[in-house]
């Protein structure tokens, strides 16, 4: 669920937490997608792991492409990239048709990255323009499977035996394939597609994924 469209759900979560506090309980509210400063730290560490793998495998990565939605993944990656001095570009494929106007989503990402940097006590500050987000592959809406997602899921399963999900990674990988076909990357560049999970969603969309 997208960070902005989930506001009503988050309000309910906070109301429930307030109720529990009034009953002397100590709830901890995990936001949608676990996308807060603490949740973003997972991908800060993931970028450090990537640096080690790049060194071990003698890789130079020019672009990282992945599904971006509630923001924690991209915020953590961008902060982690700064900390390891990663020189490539980090591109989030937005998968929900909300927040693509006026840098609203980018401002949200900035806030998460800055809060995560503060938690780590590092002097890094970000602005909305530090975040690359592509809004060209929103389809008909969140979790609505179209040809883009369907073809991407089938292709990667057939060629590599890797399963994408219909909501996040299927849409993002479909976007990546289109960017490649439209020559947005040069032939001598290395592009990493970061699979962020979501495979259980396949079971809820079997008919849509298998439709022709």
N, C-alpha and C. Protein backbone atom coordinates (compact mmCIF):
# COMPACT_ATOMS: atom_id res chain seq x y z
N UNK A 1 0.84 -1.20 0.00
CA UNK A 1 0.00 0.00 0.00
C UNK A 1 0.87 1.24 0.00
N UNK A 2 0.49 2.23 -0.82
CA UNK A 2 1.30 3.42 -0.95
C UNK A 2 1.24 4.26 0.31
N UNK A 3 2.35 4.95 0.62
CA UNK A 3 2.48 5.70 1.87
C UNK A 3 1.40 6.73 2.05
N UNK A 4 0.97 7.42 0.94
CA UNK A 4 0.00 8.50 1.08
C UNK A 4 -1.42 7.96 1.11
N UNK A 5 -1.72 6.98 0.29
CA UNK A 5 -3.06 6.43 0.25
C UNK A 5 -3.37 5.64 1.51
N UNK A 6 -2.36 5.37 2.32
CA UNK A 6 -2.55 4.58 3.53
C UNK A 6 -2.83 5.44 4.76
N UNK A 7 -3.03 6.74 4.57
CA UNK A 7 -3.16 7.64 5.71
C UNK A 7 -4.33 7.28 6.61
N UNK A 8 -5.47 6.87 6.03
CA UNK A 8 -6.62 6.50 6.84
C UNK A 8 -6.31 5.29 7.72
N UNK A 9 -5.62 4.31 7.14
CA UNK A 9 -5.24 3.12 7.90
C UNK A 9 -4.29 3.49 9.03
N UNK A 10 -3.34 4.38 8.75
CA UNK A 10 -2.39 4.79 9.78
C UNK A 10 -3.09 5.55 10.91
N UNK A 11 -4.11 6.31 10.55
CA UNK A 11 -4.87 7.02 11.59
C UNK A 11 -5.55 6.03 12.52
N UNK A 12 -6.09 4.96 11.94
CA UNK A 12 -6.73 3.93 12.76
C UNK A 12 -5.72 3.24 13.66
N UNK A 13 -4.53 2.99 13.12
CA UNK A 13 -3.47 2.37 13.92
C UNK A 13 -3.11 3.26 15.11
N UNK A 14 -2.96 4.55 14.84
CA UNK A 14 -2.58 5.48 15.91
C UNK A 14 -3.69 5.62 16.94
N UNK A 15 -4.94 5.59 16.50
CA UNK A 15 -6.06 5.65 17.43
C UNK A 15 -6.08 4.43 18.34
N UNK A 16 -5.82 3.26 17.74
CA UNK A 16 -5.78 2.03 18.53
C UNK A 16 -4.63 2.08 19.52
N UNK A 17 -3.49 2.62 19.09
CA UNK A 17 -2.34 2.74 19.99
C UNK A 17 -2.66 3.66 21.16
N UNK A 18 -3.35 4.77 20.88
CA UNK A 18 -3.74 5.69 21.96
C UNK A 18 -4.67 5.01 22.95
N UNK A 19 -5.58 4.21 22.42
CA UNK A 19 -6.51 3.49 23.29
C UNK A 19 -5.76 2.52 24.19
N UNK A 20 -4.80 1.81 23.61
CA UNK A 20 -4.02 0.85 24.39
C UNK A 20 -3.17 1.55 25.46
N UNK A 21 -2.63 2.71 25.12
CA UNK A 21 -1.85 3.47 26.11
C UNK A 21 -2.72 3.89 27.28
N UNK A 22 -3.98 4.24 26.98
CA UNK A 22 -4.89 4.63 28.05
C UNK A 22 -5.22 3.46 28.97
N UNK A 23 -4.94 2.26 28.48
CA UNK A 23 -5.15 1.03 29.28
C UNK A 23 -3.85 0.52 29.87
N UNK A 24 -2.84 1.42 29.92
CA UNK A 24 -1.53 1.13 30.50
C UNK A 24 -0.70 0.13 29.70
N UNK A 25 -1.03 -0.02 28.42
CA UNK A 25 -0.22 -0.87 27.54
C UNK A 25 0.84 -0.01 26.86
N UNK A 26 1.82 -0.67 26.25
CA UNK A 26 2.90 0.04 25.57
C UNK A 26 3.03 -0.44 24.12
N UNK A 27 2.11 0.00 23.27
CA UNK A 27 2.13 -0.47 21.87
C UNK A 27 3.27 0.17 21.08
N UNK A 28 3.75 -0.54 20.09
CA UNK A 28 4.71 0.02 19.14
C UNK A 28 4.07 -0.06 17.77
N UNK A 29 3.83 1.08 17.15
CA UNK A 29 3.14 1.13 15.87
C UNK A 29 4.15 1.01 14.73
N UNK A 30 3.97 -0.02 13.93
CA UNK A 30 4.79 -0.19 12.73
C UNK A 30 4.02 0.41 11.56
N UNK A 31 4.55 1.43 10.90
CA UNK A 31 3.80 2.09 9.81
C UNK A 31 3.67 1.20 8.59
N UNK A 32 2.83 1.63 7.65
CA UNK A 32 2.64 0.89 6.41
C UNK A 32 3.99 0.67 5.73
N UNK A 33 4.26 -0.59 5.39
CA UNK A 33 5.52 -0.92 4.73
C UNK A 33 6.72 -0.84 5.65
N UNK A 34 6.47 -0.65 6.95
CA UNK A 34 7.56 -0.44 7.92
C UNK A 34 8.45 0.73 7.50
N UNK A 35 7.85 1.68 6.79
CA UNK A 35 8.64 2.78 6.22
C UNK A 35 8.70 3.98 7.16
N UNK A 36 9.54 3.83 8.15
CA UNK A 36 9.93 4.97 8.98
C UNK A 36 11.45 5.00 9.00
N UNK A 37 12.02 5.88 9.80
CA UNK A 37 13.48 5.98 9.83
C UNK A 37 14.12 4.67 10.25
N UNK A 38 13.55 4.03 11.25
CA UNK A 38 14.11 2.76 11.73
C UNK A 38 14.02 1.69 10.65
N UNK A 39 12.88 1.60 9.98
CA UNK A 39 12.72 0.62 8.92
C UNK A 39 13.68 0.85 7.76
N UNK A 40 14.00 2.11 7.50
CA UNK A 40 14.91 2.44 6.40
C UNK A 40 16.32 1.93 6.65
N UNK A 41 16.67 1.73 7.91
CA UNK A 41 18.04 1.32 8.22
C UNK A 41 18.39 -0.05 7.64
N UNK A 42 17.37 -0.88 7.41
CA UNK A 42 17.63 -2.19 6.82
C UNK A 42 18.31 -2.07 5.47
N UNK A 43 17.88 -1.10 4.66
CA UNK A 43 18.48 -0.93 3.35
C UNK A 43 19.76 -0.12 3.38
N UNK A 44 19.99 0.61 4.46
CA UNK A 44 21.32 1.22 4.66
C UNK A 44 22.34 0.10 4.79
N UNK A 45 22.02 -0.88 5.61
CA UNK A 45 22.92 -2.03 5.80
C UNK A 45 22.99 -2.88 4.53
N UNK A 46 21.88 -2.97 3.81
CA UNK A 46 21.88 -3.74 2.56
C UNK A 46 22.85 -3.15 1.55
N UNK A 47 22.95 -1.83 1.52
CA UNK A 47 23.91 -1.20 0.60
C UNK A 47 25.35 -1.51 1.02
N UNK A 48 25.58 -1.64 2.29
CA UNK A 48 26.91 -2.04 2.75
C UNK A 48 27.22 -3.46 2.31
N UNK A 49 26.22 -4.35 2.38
CA UNK A 49 26.40 -5.72 1.89
C UNK A 49 26.67 -5.72 0.39
N UNK A 50 25.95 -4.86 -0.33
CA UNK A 50 26.17 -4.78 -1.78
C UNK A 50 27.60 -4.37 -2.09
N UNK A 51 28.12 -3.41 -1.34
CA UNK A 51 29.50 -2.98 -1.56
C UNK A 51 30.47 -4.15 -1.41
N UNK A 52 30.25 -4.98 -0.38
CA UNK A 52 31.12 -6.14 -0.17
C UNK A 52 31.01 -7.13 -1.33
N UNK A 53 29.78 -7.37 -1.80
CA UNK A 53 29.58 -8.30 -2.91
C UNK A 53 30.20 -7.76 -4.21
N UNK A 54 30.09 -6.47 -4.41
CA UNK A 54 30.70 -5.87 -5.60
C UNK A 54 32.22 -6.04 -5.57
N UNK A 55 32.81 -5.87 -4.40
CA UNK A 55 34.26 -6.03 -4.27
C UNK A 55 34.66 -7.48 -4.49
N UNK A 56 33.91 -8.40 -3.90
CA UNK A 56 34.24 -9.82 -4.02
C UNK A 56 34.10 -10.32 -5.46
N UNK A 57 33.10 -9.80 -6.18
CA UNK A 57 32.82 -10.26 -7.54
C UNK A 57 33.38 -9.33 -8.62
N UNK A 58 34.12 -8.32 -8.18
CA UNK A 58 34.75 -7.36 -9.10
C UNK A 58 33.71 -6.73 -10.03
N UNK A 59 32.61 -6.26 -9.43
CA UNK A 59 31.52 -5.66 -10.18
C UNK A 59 31.54 -4.14 -10.05
N UNK A 60 31.12 -3.50 -11.11
CA UNK A 60 30.88 -2.06 -11.08
C UNK A 60 29.45 -1.84 -11.55
N UNK A 61 28.58 -1.37 -10.67
CA UNK A 61 27.16 -1.21 -10.98
C UNK A 61 26.87 0.25 -11.27
N UNK A 62 26.24 0.49 -12.42
CA UNK A 62 25.93 1.86 -12.84
C UNK A 62 24.54 2.31 -12.42
N UNK A 63 23.60 1.36 -12.35
CA UNK A 63 22.22 1.69 -12.00
C UNK A 63 21.62 0.60 -11.11
N UNK A 64 20.86 1.01 -10.12
CA UNK A 64 20.04 0.09 -9.33
C UNK A 64 18.59 0.47 -9.58
N UNK A 65 17.77 -0.51 -9.96
CA UNK A 65 16.36 -0.27 -10.26
C UNK A 65 15.53 -1.20 -9.38
N UNK A 66 14.43 -0.70 -8.84
CA UNK A 66 13.62 -1.47 -7.89
C UNK A 66 12.24 -0.85 -7.77
N UNK A 67 11.32 -1.55 -7.11
CA UNK A 67 9.98 -1.04 -6.86
C UNK A 67 10.00 -0.10 -5.67
N UNK A 68 9.39 1.08 -5.85
CA UNK A 68 9.32 2.07 -4.77
C UNK A 68 7.86 2.36 -4.47
N UNK A 69 7.52 2.38 -3.16
CA UNK A 69 6.11 2.58 -2.82
C UNK A 69 5.94 3.35 -1.52
N UNK A 70 6.16 2.70 -0.39
CA UNK A 70 5.98 3.40 0.89
C UNK A 70 7.22 4.20 1.28
N UNK A 71 8.35 3.95 0.64
CA UNK A 71 9.50 4.83 0.76
C UNK A 71 10.70 4.33 1.52
N UNK A 72 10.52 3.36 2.41
CA UNK A 72 11.63 2.92 3.24
C UNK A 72 12.79 2.33 2.47
N UNK A 73 12.47 1.57 1.43
CA UNK A 73 13.53 0.95 0.61
C UNK A 73 14.40 2.02 -0.03
N UNK A 74 13.77 2.95 -0.74
CA UNK A 74 14.54 3.95 -1.47
C UNK A 74 15.27 4.91 -0.54
N UNK A 75 14.62 5.31 0.55
CA UNK A 75 15.26 6.21 1.51
C UNK A 75 16.51 5.57 2.10
N UNK A 76 16.41 4.29 2.45
CA UNK A 76 17.56 3.58 3.01
C UNK A 76 18.67 3.38 2.00
N UNK A 77 18.30 3.05 0.76
CA UNK A 77 19.31 2.85 -0.28
C UNK A 77 20.10 4.13 -0.54
N UNK A 78 19.39 5.25 -0.64
CA UNK A 78 20.07 6.50 -0.97
C UNK A 78 21.00 6.92 0.17
N UNK A 79 20.56 6.76 1.41
CA UNK A 79 21.43 7.06 2.54
C UNK A 79 22.62 6.10 2.56
N UNK A 80 22.35 4.81 2.38
CA UNK A 80 23.43 3.83 2.36
C UNK A 80 24.42 4.09 1.26
N UNK A 81 23.92 4.53 0.09
CA UNK A 81 24.81 4.83 -1.04
C UNK A 81 25.77 5.96 -0.70
N UNK A 82 25.27 6.96 0.01
CA UNK A 82 26.14 8.06 0.44
C UNK A 82 27.22 7.57 1.40
N UNK A 83 26.84 6.69 2.29
CA UNK A 83 27.78 6.22 3.31
C UNK A 83 28.87 5.33 2.73
N UNK A 84 28.58 4.61 1.65
CA UNK A 84 29.59 3.72 1.05
C UNK A 84 30.23 4.36 -0.18
N UNK A 85 29.80 5.59 -0.50
CA UNK A 85 30.33 6.30 -1.67
C UNK A 85 30.01 5.58 -2.97
N UNK A 86 28.79 5.06 -3.06
CA UNK A 86 28.32 4.40 -4.29
C UNK A 86 28.07 5.47 -5.35
N UNK A 87 28.65 5.29 -6.53
CA UNK A 87 28.60 6.31 -7.57
C UNK A 87 27.50 6.09 -8.60
N UNK A 88 26.82 4.96 -8.53
CA UNK A 88 25.77 4.68 -9.50
C UNK A 88 24.49 5.43 -9.21
N UNK A 89 23.52 5.31 -10.12
CA UNK A 89 22.22 5.95 -9.94
C UNK A 89 21.23 4.96 -9.33
N UNK A 90 20.37 5.49 -8.46
CA UNK A 90 19.38 4.66 -7.77
C UNK A 90 18.00 5.11 -8.23
N UNK A 91 17.31 4.25 -8.97
CA UNK A 91 16.03 4.61 -9.58
C UNK A 91 14.90 3.77 -9.03
N UNK A 92 13.94 4.42 -8.40
CA UNK A 92 12.75 3.74 -7.92
C UNK A 92 11.65 3.82 -8.97
N UNK A 93 11.04 2.67 -9.28
CA UNK A 93 9.87 2.65 -10.15
C UNK A 93 8.64 2.73 -9.26
N UNK A 94 7.94 3.84 -9.29
CA UNK A 94 6.76 3.99 -8.43
C UNK A 94 5.66 3.08 -8.92
N UNK A 95 5.00 2.38 -8.01
CA UNK A 95 4.03 1.38 -8.43
C UNK A 95 2.59 1.73 -8.04
N UNK A 96 2.37 2.93 -7.48
CA UNK A 96 1.02 3.34 -7.12
C UNK A 96 0.79 4.77 -7.59
N UNK A 97 -0.39 5.06 -8.19
CA UNK A 97 -0.63 6.38 -8.79
C UNK A 97 -0.98 7.46 -7.77
N UNK A 98 -0.08 7.68 -6.84
CA UNK A 98 -0.28 8.71 -5.83
C UNK A 98 1.07 9.38 -5.58
N UNK A 99 1.08 10.71 -5.46
CA UNK A 99 2.28 11.40 -5.02
C UNK A 99 3.26 11.76 -6.12
N UNK A 100 2.85 11.64 -7.40
CA UNK A 100 3.81 11.90 -8.46
C UNK A 100 3.87 13.36 -8.89
N UNK A 101 3.11 14.22 -8.22
CA UNK A 101 3.08 15.63 -8.62
C UNK A 101 3.70 16.50 -7.54
N UNK A 102 4.48 17.48 -7.97
CA UNK A 102 5.02 18.46 -7.05
C UNK A 102 6.05 17.94 -6.07
N UNK A 103 6.74 16.87 -6.43
CA UNK A 103 7.79 16.31 -5.56
C UNK A 103 7.26 15.89 -4.19
N UNK A 104 5.97 15.54 -4.11
CA UNK A 104 5.40 15.13 -2.82
C UNK A 104 6.09 13.87 -2.30
N UNK A 105 6.22 12.88 -3.17
CA UNK A 105 6.85 11.62 -2.76
C UNK A 105 8.32 11.82 -2.48
N UNK A 106 8.99 12.59 -3.32
CA UNK A 106 10.42 12.85 -3.10
C UNK A 106 10.65 13.56 -1.77
N UNK A 107 9.73 14.45 -1.39
CA UNK A 107 9.86 15.12 -0.09
C UNK A 107 9.69 14.13 1.06
N UNK A 108 8.82 13.15 0.86
CA UNK A 108 8.64 12.08 1.85
C UNK A 108 9.93 11.25 1.98
N UNK A 109 10.53 10.92 0.85
CA UNK A 109 11.79 10.16 0.87
C UNK A 109 12.89 10.95 1.56
N UNK A 110 12.96 12.23 1.28
CA UNK A 110 13.94 13.10 1.92
C UNK A 110 13.79 13.06 3.44
N UNK A 111 12.55 13.17 3.90
CA UNK A 111 12.29 13.17 5.34
C UNK A 111 12.76 11.86 5.98
N UNK A 112 12.45 10.74 5.34
CA UNK A 112 12.87 9.44 5.88
C UNK A 112 14.40 9.33 5.93
N UNK A 113 15.07 9.71 4.85
CA UNK A 113 16.53 9.60 4.81
C UNK A 113 17.19 10.49 5.86
N UNK A 114 16.69 11.70 6.00
CA UNK A 114 17.26 12.62 6.98
C UNK A 114 17.05 12.12 8.42
N UNK A 115 15.88 11.55 8.67
CA UNK A 115 15.62 11.02 10.01
C UNK A 115 16.49 9.79 10.29
N UNK A 116 16.69 8.95 9.26
CA UNK A 116 17.54 7.77 9.43
C UNK A 116 19.00 8.19 9.66
N UNK A 117 19.45 9.21 8.94
CA UNK A 117 20.82 9.71 9.13
C UNK A 117 21.01 10.22 10.55
N UNK A 118 19.99 10.88 11.07
CA UNK A 118 20.06 11.39 12.44
C UNK A 118 20.16 10.24 13.44
N UNK A 119 19.41 9.15 13.17
CA UNK A 119 19.47 8.00 14.06
C UNK A 119 20.87 7.39 14.08
N UNK A 120 21.55 7.45 12.94
CA UNK A 120 22.91 6.90 12.84
C UNK A 120 23.98 7.89 13.27
N UNK A 121 23.54 9.09 13.60
CA UNK A 121 24.47 10.16 14.02
C UNK A 121 25.50 10.45 12.95
N UNK A 122 25.04 10.48 11.67
CA UNK A 122 25.92 10.84 10.57
C UNK A 122 25.45 12.17 9.99
N UNK A 123 26.39 12.98 9.54
CA UNK A 123 26.07 14.31 9.04
C UNK A 123 25.78 14.26 7.55
N UNK A 124 24.63 13.72 7.22
CA UNK A 124 24.19 13.67 5.83
C UNK A 124 22.80 14.31 5.75
N UNK A 125 22.63 15.19 4.80
CA UNK A 125 21.35 15.85 4.59
C UNK A 125 20.93 15.69 3.13
N UNK A 126 19.65 15.45 2.92
CA UNK A 126 19.15 15.20 1.58
C UNK A 126 18.07 16.20 1.20
N UNK A 127 17.90 16.40 -0.09
CA UNK A 127 16.86 17.25 -0.65
C UNK A 127 16.01 16.40 -1.60
N UNK A 128 14.81 16.84 -1.95
CA UNK A 128 13.96 16.04 -2.84
C UNK A 128 14.64 15.64 -4.14
N UNK A 129 15.47 16.51 -4.68
CA UNK A 129 16.12 16.21 -5.96
C UNK A 129 17.19 15.12 -5.86
N UNK A 130 17.47 14.66 -4.66
CA UNK A 130 18.43 13.55 -4.49
C UNK A 130 17.80 12.20 -4.79
N UNK A 131 16.50 12.18 -5.07
CA UNK A 131 15.79 10.91 -5.25
C UNK A 131 15.23 10.82 -6.66
N UNK A 132 15.58 9.74 -7.36
CA UNK A 132 15.11 9.51 -8.73
C UNK A 132 13.93 8.55 -8.69
N UNK A 133 12.79 9.02 -9.15
CA UNK A 133 11.57 8.20 -9.17
C UNK A 133 10.95 8.28 -10.55
N UNK A 134 10.60 7.12 -11.10
CA UNK A 134 9.93 7.06 -12.40
C UNK A 134 8.45 6.75 -12.18
N UNK A 135 7.58 7.59 -12.76
CA UNK A 135 6.13 7.43 -12.60
C UNK A 135 5.44 6.97 -13.88
N UNK A 136 6.19 6.42 -14.81
CA UNK A 136 5.64 6.08 -16.12
C UNK A 136 4.93 4.73 -16.18
N UNK A 137 4.99 3.96 -15.11
CA UNK A 137 4.48 2.59 -15.18
C UNK A 137 3.44 2.31 -14.10
N UNK A 138 2.55 3.27 -13.90
CA UNK A 138 1.55 3.15 -12.85
C UNK A 138 0.37 2.26 -13.25
N UNK A 139 0.23 1.99 -14.54
CA UNK A 139 -0.84 1.13 -15.00
C UNK A 139 -2.21 1.69 -14.65
N UNK A 140 -3.14 0.81 -14.33
CA UNK A 140 -4.50 1.24 -13.98
C UNK A 140 -4.69 1.43 -12.49
N UNK A 141 -3.61 1.26 -11.73
CA UNK A 141 -3.72 1.48 -10.29
C UNK A 141 -2.98 0.43 -9.49
N UNK A 142 -2.96 0.65 -8.19
CA UNK A 142 -2.24 -0.23 -7.28
C UNK A 142 -2.81 -1.65 -7.33
N UNK A 143 -1.93 -2.62 -7.55
CA UNK A 143 -2.27 -4.05 -7.52
C UNK A 143 -3.20 -4.49 -8.64
N UNK A 144 -3.38 -3.65 -9.66
CA UNK A 144 -4.17 -4.05 -10.83
C UNK A 144 -3.21 -4.57 -11.89
N UNK A 145 -3.30 -5.85 -12.18
CA UNK A 145 -2.36 -6.49 -13.08
C UNK A 145 -2.70 -6.19 -14.54
N UNK A 146 -1.71 -5.71 -15.28
CA UNK A 146 -1.88 -5.47 -16.70
C UNK A 146 -0.86 -6.26 -17.49
N UNK A 147 -0.78 -5.98 -18.79
CA UNK A 147 0.16 -6.70 -19.65
C UNK A 147 1.60 -6.51 -19.21
N UNK A 148 1.93 -5.30 -18.74
CA UNK A 148 3.31 -5.01 -18.31
C UNK A 148 3.76 -5.99 -17.23
N UNK A 149 2.96 -6.12 -16.17
CA UNK A 149 3.32 -7.00 -15.06
C UNK A 149 3.27 -8.47 -15.48
N UNK A 150 2.23 -8.82 -16.21
CA UNK A 150 2.03 -10.21 -16.62
C UNK A 150 3.20 -10.71 -17.48
N UNK A 151 3.59 -9.92 -18.46
CA UNK A 151 4.68 -10.33 -19.34
C UNK A 151 6.02 -10.38 -18.62
N UNK A 152 6.23 -9.44 -17.69
CA UNK A 152 7.48 -9.44 -16.93
C UNK A 152 7.58 -10.68 -16.05
N UNK A 153 6.48 -11.03 -15.40
CA UNK A 153 6.46 -12.21 -14.52
C UNK A 153 6.74 -13.47 -15.33
N UNK A 154 6.06 -13.62 -16.46
CA UNK A 154 6.25 -14.81 -17.30
C UNK A 154 7.68 -14.90 -17.82
N UNK A 155 8.22 -13.77 -18.29
CA UNK A 155 9.55 -13.77 -18.89
C UNK A 155 10.62 -14.18 -17.90
N UNK A 156 10.64 -13.58 -16.72
CA UNK A 156 11.70 -13.89 -15.77
C UNK A 156 11.55 -15.31 -15.22
N UNK A 157 10.31 -15.78 -15.06
CA UNK A 157 10.10 -17.16 -14.60
C UNK A 157 10.60 -18.16 -15.64
N UNK A 158 10.34 -17.88 -16.91
CA UNK A 158 10.74 -18.79 -17.98
C UNK A 158 12.25 -18.77 -18.21
N UNK A 159 12.86 -17.60 -18.15
CA UNK A 159 14.28 -17.48 -18.48
C UNK A 159 15.21 -17.77 -17.31
N UNK A 160 14.80 -17.40 -16.11
CA UNK A 160 15.71 -17.50 -14.96
C UNK A 160 15.14 -18.31 -13.78
N UNK A 161 13.87 -18.67 -13.85
CA UNK A 161 13.26 -19.40 -12.73
C UNK A 161 13.09 -18.53 -11.50
N UNK A 162 13.01 -17.22 -11.68
CA UNK A 162 12.83 -16.27 -10.58
C UNK A 162 11.41 -15.75 -10.62
N UNK A 163 10.74 -15.78 -9.48
CA UNK A 163 9.35 -15.34 -9.41
C UNK A 163 9.25 -13.89 -8.96
N UNK A 164 8.54 -13.10 -9.75
CA UNK A 164 8.21 -11.73 -9.39
C UNK A 164 6.80 -11.70 -8.84
N UNK A 165 6.46 -10.67 -8.09
CA UNK A 165 5.09 -10.57 -7.61
C UNK A 165 4.31 -9.59 -8.50
N UNK A 166 2.97 -9.67 -8.53
CA UNK A 166 2.18 -8.87 -9.45
C UNK A 166 1.99 -7.42 -9.02
N UNK A 167 2.32 -7.08 -7.78
CA UNK A 167 2.05 -5.73 -7.28
C UNK A 167 3.29 -4.84 -7.35
N UNK A 168 4.43 -5.34 -6.88
CA UNK A 168 5.63 -4.53 -6.75
C UNK A 168 6.69 -4.88 -7.80
N UNK A 169 7.33 -6.02 -7.63
CA UNK A 169 8.47 -6.33 -8.48
C UNK A 169 8.08 -6.59 -9.93
N UNK A 170 6.88 -7.14 -10.16
CA UNK A 170 6.44 -7.36 -11.53
C UNK A 170 6.31 -6.06 -12.29
N UNK A 171 5.73 -5.07 -11.65
CA UNK A 171 5.58 -3.76 -12.29
C UNK A 171 6.94 -3.08 -12.48
N UNK A 172 7.78 -3.17 -11.46
CA UNK A 172 9.10 -2.52 -11.55
C UNK A 172 9.97 -3.18 -12.62
N UNK A 173 9.95 -4.52 -12.68
CA UNK A 173 10.77 -5.21 -13.69
C UNK A 173 10.22 -4.95 -15.09
N UNK A 174 8.90 -4.88 -15.22
CA UNK A 174 8.31 -4.53 -16.51
C UNK A 174 8.76 -3.15 -16.94
N UNK A 175 8.81 -2.21 -15.98
CA UNK A 175 9.31 -0.88 -16.28
C UNK A 175 10.75 -0.89 -16.72
N UNK A 176 11.56 -1.69 -16.03
CA UNK A 176 12.98 -1.80 -16.39
C UNK A 176 13.13 -2.33 -17.81
N UNK A 177 12.38 -3.37 -18.16
CA UNK A 177 12.46 -3.92 -19.51
C UNK A 177 12.12 -2.86 -20.56
N UNK A 178 11.11 -2.05 -20.27
CA UNK A 178 10.74 -1.00 -21.22
C UNK A 178 11.83 0.07 -21.32
N UNK A 179 12.45 0.40 -20.19
CA UNK A 179 13.55 1.37 -20.22
C UNK A 179 14.72 0.85 -21.03
N UNK A 180 14.98 -0.45 -20.91
CA UNK A 180 16.06 -1.06 -21.70
C UNK A 180 15.73 -1.01 -23.19
N UNK A 181 14.49 -1.37 -23.53
CA UNK A 181 14.08 -1.38 -24.92
C UNK A 181 14.08 0.01 -25.54
N UNK A 182 13.82 1.02 -24.71
CA UNK A 182 13.82 2.40 -25.21
C UNK A 182 15.20 3.05 -25.11
N UNK A 183 16.20 2.19 -24.82
CA UNK A 183 17.61 2.60 -24.82
C UNK A 183 17.92 3.70 -23.80
N UNK A 184 17.33 3.57 -22.62
CA UNK A 184 17.64 4.51 -21.54
C UNK A 184 18.97 4.18 -20.86
N UNK A 185 19.48 2.99 -21.14
CA UNK A 185 20.79 2.58 -20.62
C UNK A 185 21.69 2.25 -21.80
N UNK A 186 22.96 2.53 -21.65
CA UNK A 186 23.90 2.18 -22.73
C UNK A 186 24.33 0.72 -22.57
N UNK A 187 24.82 0.14 -23.66
CA UNK A 187 25.18 -1.28 -23.66
C UNK A 187 26.35 -1.60 -22.73
N UNK A 188 27.18 -0.61 -22.43
CA UNK A 188 28.33 -0.88 -21.57
C UNK A 188 28.05 -0.60 -20.10
N UNK A 189 26.79 -0.32 -19.77
CA UNK A 189 26.43 -0.09 -18.37
C UNK A 189 25.90 -1.36 -17.72
N UNK A 190 26.15 -1.49 -16.43
CA UNK A 190 25.64 -2.63 -15.66
C UNK A 190 24.46 -2.16 -14.81
N UNK A 191 23.32 -2.84 -15.00
CA UNK A 191 22.09 -2.48 -14.29
C UNK A 191 21.73 -3.60 -13.33
N UNK A 192 21.54 -3.26 -12.06
CA UNK A 192 21.12 -4.23 -11.06
C UNK A 192 19.64 -4.04 -10.78
N UNK A 193 18.84 -5.09 -10.98
CA UNK A 193 17.45 -5.06 -10.55
C UNK A 193 17.37 -5.65 -9.16
N UNK A 194 16.87 -4.88 -8.22
CA UNK A 194 16.83 -5.32 -6.81
C UNK A 194 15.44 -5.90 -6.53
N UNK A 195 15.39 -7.21 -6.33
CA UNK A 195 14.14 -7.92 -6.05
C UNK A 195 13.80 -7.75 -4.58
N UNK A 196 12.68 -7.06 -4.31
CA UNK A 196 12.32 -6.75 -2.93
C UNK A 196 11.29 -7.70 -2.33
N UNK A 197 11.05 -8.83 -3.01
CA UNK A 197 10.15 -9.83 -2.43
C UNK A 197 8.72 -9.67 -2.90
N UNK A 198 7.76 -10.19 -2.09
CA UNK A 198 6.35 -10.06 -2.42
C UNK A 198 5.75 -11.28 -3.09
N UNK A 199 6.51 -12.37 -3.20
CA UNK A 199 6.04 -13.57 -3.92
C UNK A 199 4.68 -14.09 -3.45
N UNK A 200 4.33 -14.04 -2.14
CA UNK A 200 3.01 -14.54 -1.73
C UNK A 200 1.84 -13.91 -2.48
N UNK A 201 2.01 -12.69 -2.99
CA UNK A 201 0.92 -12.04 -3.72
C UNK A 201 0.58 -12.77 -5.01
N UNK A 202 1.49 -13.62 -5.49
CA UNK A 202 1.20 -14.41 -6.69
C UNK A 202 -0.06 -15.26 -6.50
N UNK A 203 -0.23 -15.80 -5.31
CA UNK A 203 -1.33 -16.73 -5.06
C UNK A 203 -2.69 -16.03 -5.09
N UNK A 204 -2.70 -14.73 -4.83
CA UNK A 204 -3.95 -13.98 -4.84
C UNK A 204 -4.31 -13.48 -6.23
N UNK A 205 -3.37 -13.59 -7.17
CA UNK A 205 -3.59 -13.02 -8.52
C UNK A 205 -3.39 -14.07 -9.61
N UNK A 206 -3.58 -15.34 -9.29
CA UNK A 206 -3.28 -16.40 -10.24
C UNK A 206 -4.05 -16.22 -11.56
N UNK A 207 -5.35 -15.94 -11.48
CA UNK A 207 -6.15 -15.80 -12.69
C UNK A 207 -5.69 -14.63 -13.54
N UNK A 208 -5.37 -13.53 -12.90
CA UNK A 208 -4.92 -12.35 -13.66
C UNK A 208 -3.56 -12.56 -14.28
N UNK A 209 -2.68 -13.26 -13.57
CA UNK A 209 -1.33 -13.50 -14.08
C UNK A 209 -1.35 -14.47 -15.25
N UNK A 210 -2.23 -15.46 -15.20
CA UNK A 210 -2.30 -16.48 -16.26
C UNK A 210 -3.17 -16.06 -17.43
N UNK A 211 -3.93 -14.96 -17.27
CA UNK A 211 -4.80 -14.51 -18.35
C UNK A 211 -3.98 -14.09 -19.55
N UNK A 212 -4.56 -14.23 -20.73
CA UNK A 212 -3.88 -13.84 -21.97
C UNK A 212 -4.69 -12.75 -22.68
